[in-house]
Amino acid sequence: MAGEPTRITLDVGNPEGANSAYVLPESGVVVDPGPPTDEAWERLCSGVEAAGLGVEHVAFVFVTHWHADHAGLAPRLAEAADATVVMHETDAPLVADYGRERERRVERDAQRLREWGVPSAVVEALQSGDRPSPIPDSLAVETVKDGESLAGLTAIHTPGHTLGHAAFVTDRETAETRDLFVGDLVLPTYTPNVGGGDTRLDDALATYLASLGRIREVAAAEGVETVAPGHGAPLALGERVDEIVAHHDERSRRTVAALATCLEENEADTATPWDVARTLFGELSGIHAKMGAGEAASHLDFLRKRGAVEQVGGSGGSATRYRVADAERAGVEAAKWRG
């Protein structure tokens, strides 16, 4: 029977806060090994050894999603231990075929940014600054589907932050206590970016909220109250999910207000997600331009499908534009909008 996991804090200057990797010594599993830096590698190895496993005895490396701060050390750990990397089938290609998929992602991101109305100079700056991570161009990855189990962990597909984001829960047959590793789905002190974190996603916010609802249901069914996030310390799931839903309620209301402000200040009939993002967050540059525009776009699309705003244009390569349709709809709780 597997015991409690050991958390390894990888505080290597990530703006999102310290990464949390987890070790399950009895089953030889590491979850989310961390970013591809030498400093993180040293801390990971020390943590694995301190957990009583030994790097050479790691058998499986589970990765919740493709972002480099979670998947970056998976190739190095897999090579050092001759271990198997495991990911949900939808995110796996972005790590398994990193070289080719990165090029596709950069172009896909640029297309989305243009759709969101981000100026060409900002898009070009983002593209030039999007340098490759020190990750091999290709890697053997074993894929799992939603509900499939491997090495005592069952995958739960939780898209929203990325298209193939997955949580992993320990199986009843192999664990003394149930542990639920949620990656960036639920974080303790801030909300994960929705919209800019993976431009493959359509209807990103509704997808993310549905995943929050699902993980709450899974946790209740499995008798789990405290979960292990990809950044920060374990947290009480139900309370934090309520806080995140409330945050997106407020963000949706602020998005409608920001759209109305854009139209009034610019004496315009419509505004782009980029216009709204700058009203919400101020001046944006670098990665914050992508994340801010994506966040605004995801809320505008969410509001459009629920009748609060109307979309104008957005076809034939032109930027998507919006106008206020029914501001009162912005007061409807996000929890009621998941469907």
Protein backbone atom coordinates (compact mmCIF):
# COMPACT_ATOMS: atom_id res chain seq x y z
CA MET A 1 0.00 0.00 0.00
CA ALA A 2 1.31 3.46 -0.93
CA GLY A 3 1.80 6.01 1.84
CA GLU A 4 1.43 9.77 1.79
CA PRO A 5 3.26 11.68 -0.96
CA THR A 6 6.25 13.90 -0.28
CA ARG A 7 6.07 17.46 -1.61
CA ILE A 8 9.21 19.03 -3.09
CA THR A 9 9.23 22.83 -3.31
CA LEU A 10 11.00 24.12 -6.42
CA ASP A 11 11.35 27.84 -5.73
CA VAL A 12 13.36 28.89 -8.77
CA GLY A 13 12.04 32.37 -9.46
CA ASN A 14 8.86 31.39 -11.29
CA PRO A 15 6.52 34.42 -11.41
CA GLU A 16 3.63 32.06 -10.67
CA GLY A 17 5.27 31.04 -7.38
CA ALA A 18 7.19 27.97 -6.31
CA ASN A 19 6.41 24.78 -8.18
CA SER A 20 5.35 21.74 -6.21
CA ALA A 21 6.58 18.32 -7.31
CA TYR A 22 5.35 15.20 -5.53
CA VAL A 23 6.97 11.84 -4.83
CA LEU A 24 5.14 8.59 -4.08
CA PRO A 25 8.09 6.44 -2.96
CA GLU A 26 6.31 3.09 -2.68
CA SER A 27 5.10 3.20 -6.29
CA GLY A 28 8.17 4.94 -7.73
CA VAL A 29 6.12 7.89 -9.01
CA VAL A 30 7.02 11.57 -9.39
CA VAL A 31 4.27 14.05 -10.32
CA ASP A 32 5.14 17.32 -12.13
CA PRO A 33 8.95 17.26 -11.80
CA GLY A 34 9.36 20.97 -12.52
CA PRO A 35 11.06 23.49 -14.83
CA PRO A 36 14.09 22.58 -16.98
CA THR A 37 16.82 24.33 -14.98
CA ASP A 38 19.89 22.92 -13.24
CA GLU A 39 18.82 24.48 -9.95
CA ALA A 40 15.40 22.82 -10.13
CA TRP A 41 17.06 19.51 -11.09
CA GLU A 42 19.31 19.61 -8.03
CA ARG A 43 16.38 20.37 -5.75
CA LEU A 44 14.28 17.65 -7.35
CA CYS A 45 17.00 15.02 -6.95
CA SER A 46 17.60 16.03 -3.32
CA GLY A 47 13.88 15.84 -2.62
CA VAL A 48 13.47 12.44 -4.26
CA GLU A 49 16.40 11.09 -2.24
CA ALA A 50 15.02 12.60 0.97
CA ALA A 51 11.70 10.88 0.29
CA GLY A 52 13.56 7.57 0.40
CA LEU A 53 13.20 6.67 -3.25
CA GLY A 54 16.44 7.43 -5.06
CA VAL A 55 16.41 8.96 -8.52
CA GLU A 56 17.44 5.70 -10.20
CA HIS A 57 14.35 4.01 -8.75
CA VAL A 58 11.80 6.43 -10.21
CA ALA A 59 9.61 4.32 -12.50
CA PHE A 60 6.92 6.77 -13.65
CA VAL A 61 6.85 10.53 -14.21
CA PHE A 62 3.29 11.87 -14.33
CA VAL A 63 2.80 15.33 -15.85
CA THR A 64 -0.46 17.26 -15.40
CA HIS A 65 -0.01 19.52 -18.45
CA TRP A 66 2.46 20.57 -21.10
CA HIS A 67 3.74 23.86 -19.64
CA ALA A 68 7.51 23.81 -19.18
CA ASP A 69 7.42 24.66 -15.47
CA HIS A 70 5.69 21.31 -14.92
CA ALA A 71 6.93 19.12 -17.78
CA GLY A 72 10.39 20.61 -18.27
CA LEU A 73 12.35 18.13 -16.15
CA ALA A 74 10.38 15.08 -17.29
CA PRO A 75 12.85 14.18 -20.10
CA ARG A 76 15.88 14.53 -17.83
CA LEU A 77 14.32 12.49 -15.04
CA ALA A 78 13.09 9.84 -17.47
CA GLU A 79 16.59 9.47 -18.91
CA ALA A 80 18.32 9.37 -15.53
CA ALA A 81 15.95 6.75 -14.13
CA ASP A 82 14.88 4.95 -17.31
CA ALA A 83 11.36 5.96 -16.27
CA THR A 84 8.11 6.24 -18.23
CA VAL A 85 6.60 9.69 -18.77
CA VAL A 86 2.79 9.70 -18.52
CA MET A 87 0.43 12.45 -19.76
CA HIS A 88 -3.13 12.88 -20.93
CA GLU A 89 -3.34 12.11 -24.64
CA THR A 90 -4.32 15.67 -25.61
CA ASP A 91 -1.33 17.44 -24.05
CA ALA A 92 1.20 14.66 -24.65
CA PRO A 93 2.14 15.69 -28.23
CA LEU A 94 3.39 19.09 -27.06
CA VAL A 95 6.05 17.30 -25.00
CA ALA A 96 6.53 14.11 -27.04
CA ASP A 97 7.07 16.07 -30.27
CA TYR A 98 8.29 19.30 -28.68
CA GLY A 99 10.41 20.57 -31.57
CA ARG A 100 7.69 20.46 -34.21
CA GLU A 101 4.77 21.23 -31.88
CA ARG A 102 6.51 24.30 -30.49
CA GLU A 103 6.70 25.82 -33.97
CA ARG A 104 3.02 25.11 -34.50
CA ARG A 105 2.16 26.60 -31.11
CA VAL A 106 4.05 29.84 -31.77
CA GLU A 107 2.18 30.32 -35.05
CA ARG A 108 -1.15 29.35 -33.46
CA ASP A 109 -0.55 31.83 -30.64
CA ALA A 110 0.19 34.60 -33.14
CA GLN A 111 -3.03 33.89 -35.02
CA ARG A 112 -5.06 34.02 -31.80
CA LEU A 113 -3.38 37.25 -30.73
CA ARG A 114 -4.32 38.84 -34.04
CA GLU A 115 -7.91 37.65 -33.59
CA TRP A 116 -7.91 39.31 -30.16
CA GLY A 117 -6.82 42.61 -31.71
CA VAL A 118 -3.30 42.64 -30.29
CA PRO A 119 -1.14 45.09 -32.33
CA SER A 120 1.31 43.58 -34.80
CA ALA A 121 4.33 45.04 -32.98
CA VAL A 122 3.27 43.33 -29.74
CA VAL A 123 2.63 40.03 -31.54
CA GLU A 124 6.04 40.17 -33.20
CA ALA A 125 7.74 40.95 -29.88
CA LEU A 126 6.02 37.97 -28.29
CA GLN A 127 7.09 35.68 -31.12
CA SER A 128 10.71 36.81 -30.99
CA GLY A 129 10.77 36.43 -27.21
CA ASP A 130 9.21 32.95 -27.28
CA ARG A 131 12.49 31.04 -27.16
CA PRO A 132 12.69 27.24 -27.02
CA SER A 133 12.98 25.59 -23.62
CA PRO A 134 15.96 23.25 -23.08
CA ILE A 135 13.77 20.23 -23.79
CA PRO A 136 14.53 17.47 -26.34
CA ASP A 137 12.72 17.75 -29.66
CA SER A 138 11.19 14.32 -29.09
CA LEU A 139 10.44 12.11 -26.10
CA ALA A 140 8.65 8.82 -25.54
CA VAL A 141 5.42 9.55 -23.65
CA GLU A 142 2.80 7.02 -22.59
CA THR A 143 -0.64 8.54 -22.96
CA VAL A 144 -3.72 8.02 -20.84
CA LYS A 145 -7.35 8.86 -21.45
CA ASP A 146 -9.85 10.16 -18.93
CA GLY A 147 -10.54 7.43 -16.37
CA GLU A 148 -7.57 5.24 -17.27
CA SER A 149 -5.24 4.04 -14.50
CA LEU A 150 -1.51 3.42 -14.48
CA ALA A 151 0.95 2.84 -11.62
CA GLY A 152 -1.78 3.37 -9.03
CA LEU A 153 -3.00 6.71 -10.41
CA THR A 154 -6.20 7.42 -12.36
CA ALA A 155 -6.35 10.29 -14.86
CA ILE A 156 -9.13 12.87 -14.68
CA HIS A 157 -9.30 15.11 -17.74
CA THR A 158 -9.68 18.69 -16.48
CA PRO A 159 -9.27 21.04 -19.47
CA GLY A 160 -9.37 24.81 -19.16
CA HIS A 161 -5.87 25.98 -18.27
CA THR A 162 -4.66 23.76 -21.12
CA LEU A 163 -6.64 21.57 -23.49
CA GLY A 164 -5.22 18.33 -22.12
CA HIS A 165 -4.76 19.26 -18.47
CA ALA A 166 -5.27 16.26 -16.19
CA ALA A 167 -5.53 15.64 -12.48
CA PHE A 168 -4.46 12.31 -11.01
CA VAL A 169 -6.03 10.49 -8.06
CA THR A 170 -4.53 7.53 -6.22
CA ASP A 171 -6.43 4.27 -6.64
CA ARG A 172 -8.32 2.74 -3.73
CA GLU A 173 -6.57 -0.60 -4.14
CA THR A 174 -3.05 0.82 -3.84
CA ALA A 175 -3.30 3.74 -1.40
CA GLU A 176 -3.90 3.96 2.34
CA THR A 177 -5.25 7.49 1.86
CA ARG A 178 -6.63 9.10 -1.30
CA ASP A 179 -4.44 11.79 -2.83
CA LEU A 180 -5.57 14.09 -5.62
CA PHE A 181 -2.93 15.93 -7.67
CA VAL A 182 -4.62 18.85 -9.45
CA GLY A 183 -1.75 20.61 -11.26
CA ASP A 184 -2.77 24.17 -12.14
CA LEU A 185 -6.51 23.52 -12.07
CA VAL A 186 -6.83 24.81 -8.50
CA LEU A 187 -4.12 26.99 -6.95
CA PRO A 188 -3.95 28.44 -3.43
CA THR A 189 -3.30 32.16 -3.89
CA TYR A 190 -4.21 33.08 -7.46
CA THR A 191 -6.27 31.74 -10.34
CA PRO A 192 -4.63 30.02 -13.32
CA ASN A 193 -4.75 31.90 -16.59
CA VAL A 194 -7.68 30.91 -18.77
CA GLY A 195 -7.46 31.80 -22.46
CA GLY A 196 -3.78 32.60 -22.88
CA GLY A 197 -2.38 29.43 -21.34
CA ASP A 198 -3.30 27.29 -24.35
CA THR A 199 -4.63 28.85 -27.54
CA ARG A 200 -5.98 25.52 -28.78
CA LEU A 201 -8.95 26.01 -26.47
CA ASP A 202 -12.31 27.34 -27.58
CA ASP A 203 -14.83 28.39 -24.92
CA ALA A 204 -11.97 28.30 -22.42
CA LEU A 205 -13.72 29.79 -19.40
CA ALA A 206 -16.81 27.59 -19.57
CA THR A 207 -14.52 24.59 -20.05
CA TYR A 208 -12.47 25.58 -17.02
CA LEU A 209 -15.52 26.13 -14.81
CA ALA A 210 -16.89 22.74 -15.84
CA SER A 211 -13.57 21.15 -14.83
CA LEU A 212 -13.81 22.83 -11.42
CA GLY A 213 -17.25 21.33 -11.00
CA ARG A 214 -16.02 17.93 -12.06
CA ILE A 215 -13.00 17.88 -9.75
CA ARG A 216 -15.25 18.80 -6.85
CA GLU A 217 -17.52 15.88 -7.71
CA VAL A 218 -14.58 13.47 -8.02
CA ALA A 219 -13.13 14.62 -4.71
CA ALA A 220 -16.47 14.14 -2.96
CA ALA A 221 -16.88 10.66 -4.43
CA GLU A 222 -13.35 9.70 -3.40
CA GLY A 223 -13.58 11.23 0.06
CA VAL A 224 -10.84 13.79 -0.65
CA GLU A 225 -11.02 17.21 1.02
CA THR A 226 -7.44 18.45 0.64
CA VAL A 227 -5.70 18.39 -2.75
CA ALA A 228 -2.11 18.79 -3.96
CA PRO A 229 -1.69 21.75 -6.38
CA GLY A 230 1.12 22.37 -8.87
CA HIS A 231 2.16 25.53 -7.04
CA GLY A 232 2.02 26.08 -3.29
CA ALA A 233 0.93 23.89 -0.40
CA PRO A 234 -2.01 21.45 -0.21
CA LEU A 235 -5.35 23.22 0.08
CA ALA A 236 -8.99 22.68 0.99
CA LEU A 237 -10.66 22.03 -2.37
CA GLY A 238 -14.28 23.02 -1.78
CA GLU A 239 -13.49 26.38 -0.21
CA ARG A 240 -10.96 27.28 -2.89
CA VAL A 241 -13.26 26.30 -5.76
CA ASP A 242 -15.93 28.59 -4.31
CA GLU A 243 -13.39 31.43 -4.21
CA ILE A 244 -12.31 30.86 -7.81
CA VAL A 245 -15.89 30.77 -9.10
CA ALA A 246 -16.61 34.00 -7.20
CA HIS A 247 -13.49 35.54 -8.76
CA HIS A 248 -14.73 34.74 -12.27
CA ASP A 249 -18.20 36.07 -11.40
CA GLU A 250 -16.61 39.38 -10.52
CA ARG A 251 -14.24 39.30 -13.50
CA SER A 252 -17.20 38.79 -15.85
CA ARG A 253 -19.00 41.79 -14.38
CA ARG A 254 -15.83 43.86 -14.65
CA THR A 255 -15.36 42.72 -18.25
CA VAL A 256 -18.76 44.09 -19.26
CA ALA A 257 -17.98 47.32 -17.43
CA ALA A 258 -14.57 47.52 -19.14
CA LEU A 259 -16.18 46.97 -22.53
CA ALA A 260 -18.67 49.77 -21.87
CA THR A 261 -15.81 52.03 -20.75
CA CYS A 262 -13.85 51.29 -23.94
CA LEU A 263 -16.80 52.20 -26.11
CA GLU A 264 -17.49 55.41 -24.23
CA GLU A 265 -13.89 56.63 -24.01
CA ASN A 266 -13.14 55.83 -27.66
CA GLU A 267 -16.57 56.94 -28.90
CA ALA A 268 -16.73 53.59 -30.68
CA ASP A 269 -19.44 51.06 -31.38
CA THR A 270 -17.25 48.01 -30.72
CA ALA A 271 -13.99 47.03 -28.99
CA THR A 272 -11.51 44.16 -29.25
CA PRO A 273 -10.43 41.82 -26.45
CA TRP A 274 -7.11 43.70 -26.45
CA ASP A 275 -8.93 46.99 -25.81
CA VAL A 276 -10.84 45.40 -22.94
CA ALA A 277 -7.71 43.77 -21.52
CA ARG A 278 -5.88 47.09 -21.32
CA THR A 279 -8.87 48.63 -19.57
CA LEU A 280 -8.98 45.74 -17.10
CA PHE A 281 -5.27 45.33 -16.45
CA GLY A 282 -3.50 48.47 -17.69
CA GLU A 283 -0.59 48.48 -20.12
CA LEU A 284 0.51 44.97 -21.08
CA SER A 285 3.77 43.72 -22.53
CA GLY A 286 5.66 40.47 -22.93
CA ILE A 287 3.93 37.32 -21.73
CA HIS A 288 1.41 39.50 -19.84
CA ALA A 289 0.07 40.75 -23.18
CA LYS A 290 -0.79 37.20 -24.20
CA MET A 291 -2.23 36.22 -20.82
CA GLY A 292 -4.20 39.45 -20.38
CA ALA A 293 -5.67 39.39 -23.88
CA GLY A 294 -6.53 35.71 -23.50
CA GLU A 295 -8.24 36.28 -20.17
CA ALA A 296 -10.33 39.13 -21.60
CA ALA A 297 -11.17 37.12 -24.72
CA SER A 298 -12.27 34.09 -22.70
CA HIS A 299 -14.61 36.22 -20.58
CA LEU A 300 -16.03 38.05 -23.59
CA ASP A 301 -16.72 34.77 -25.37
CA PHE A 302 -18.27 33.38 -22.18
CA LEU A 303 -20.49 36.45 -21.88
CA ARG A 304 -21.43 36.34 -25.58
CA LYS A 305 -22.78 32.81 -25.29
CA ARG A 306 -24.91 33.94 -22.37
CA GLY A 307 -26.34 37.03 -24.01
CA ALA A 308 -24.46 39.77 -22.13
CA VAL A 309 -22.35 40.93 -25.10
CA GLU A 310 -22.54 40.61 -28.87
CA GLN A 311 -19.72 39.68 -31.23
CA VAL A 312 -19.15 41.73 -34.36
CA GLY A 313 -16.75 40.61 -37.08
CA GLY A 314 -13.95 38.19 -36.41
CA SER A 315 -14.02 36.41 -39.76
CA GLY A 316 -11.67 36.54 -42.71
CA GLY A 317 -8.67 37.33 -40.54
CA SER A 318 -10.14 40.45 -38.95
CA ALA A 319 -10.03 41.03 -35.21
CA THR A 320 -13.02 39.93 -33.16
CA ARG A 321 -14.97 42.88 -31.78
CA TYR A 322 -17.72 43.15 -29.17
CA ARG A 323 -20.44 45.46 -27.96
CA VAL A 324 -22.62 45.38 -24.86
CA ALA A 325 -25.92 43.56 -25.39
CA ASP A 326 -27.42 43.12 -21.92
CA ALA A 327 -25.34 44.39 -19.01
CA GLU A 328 -27.74 42.90 -16.48
CA ARG A 329 -26.74 39.43 -17.67
CA ALA A 330 -23.27 40.09 -16.26
CA GLY A 331 -24.76 39.80 -12.79
CA VAL A 332 -25.67 36.14 -13.28
CA GLU A 333 -23.37 33.89 -11.27
CA ALA A 334 -20.75 31.99 -13.23
CA ALA A 335 -21.74 28.86 -11.36
CA LYS A 336 -25.08 29.03 -13.18
CA TRP A 337 -23.42 29.53 -16.55
CA ARG A 338 -21.38 26.33 -16.74
CA GLY A 339 -23.81 24.70 -19.12
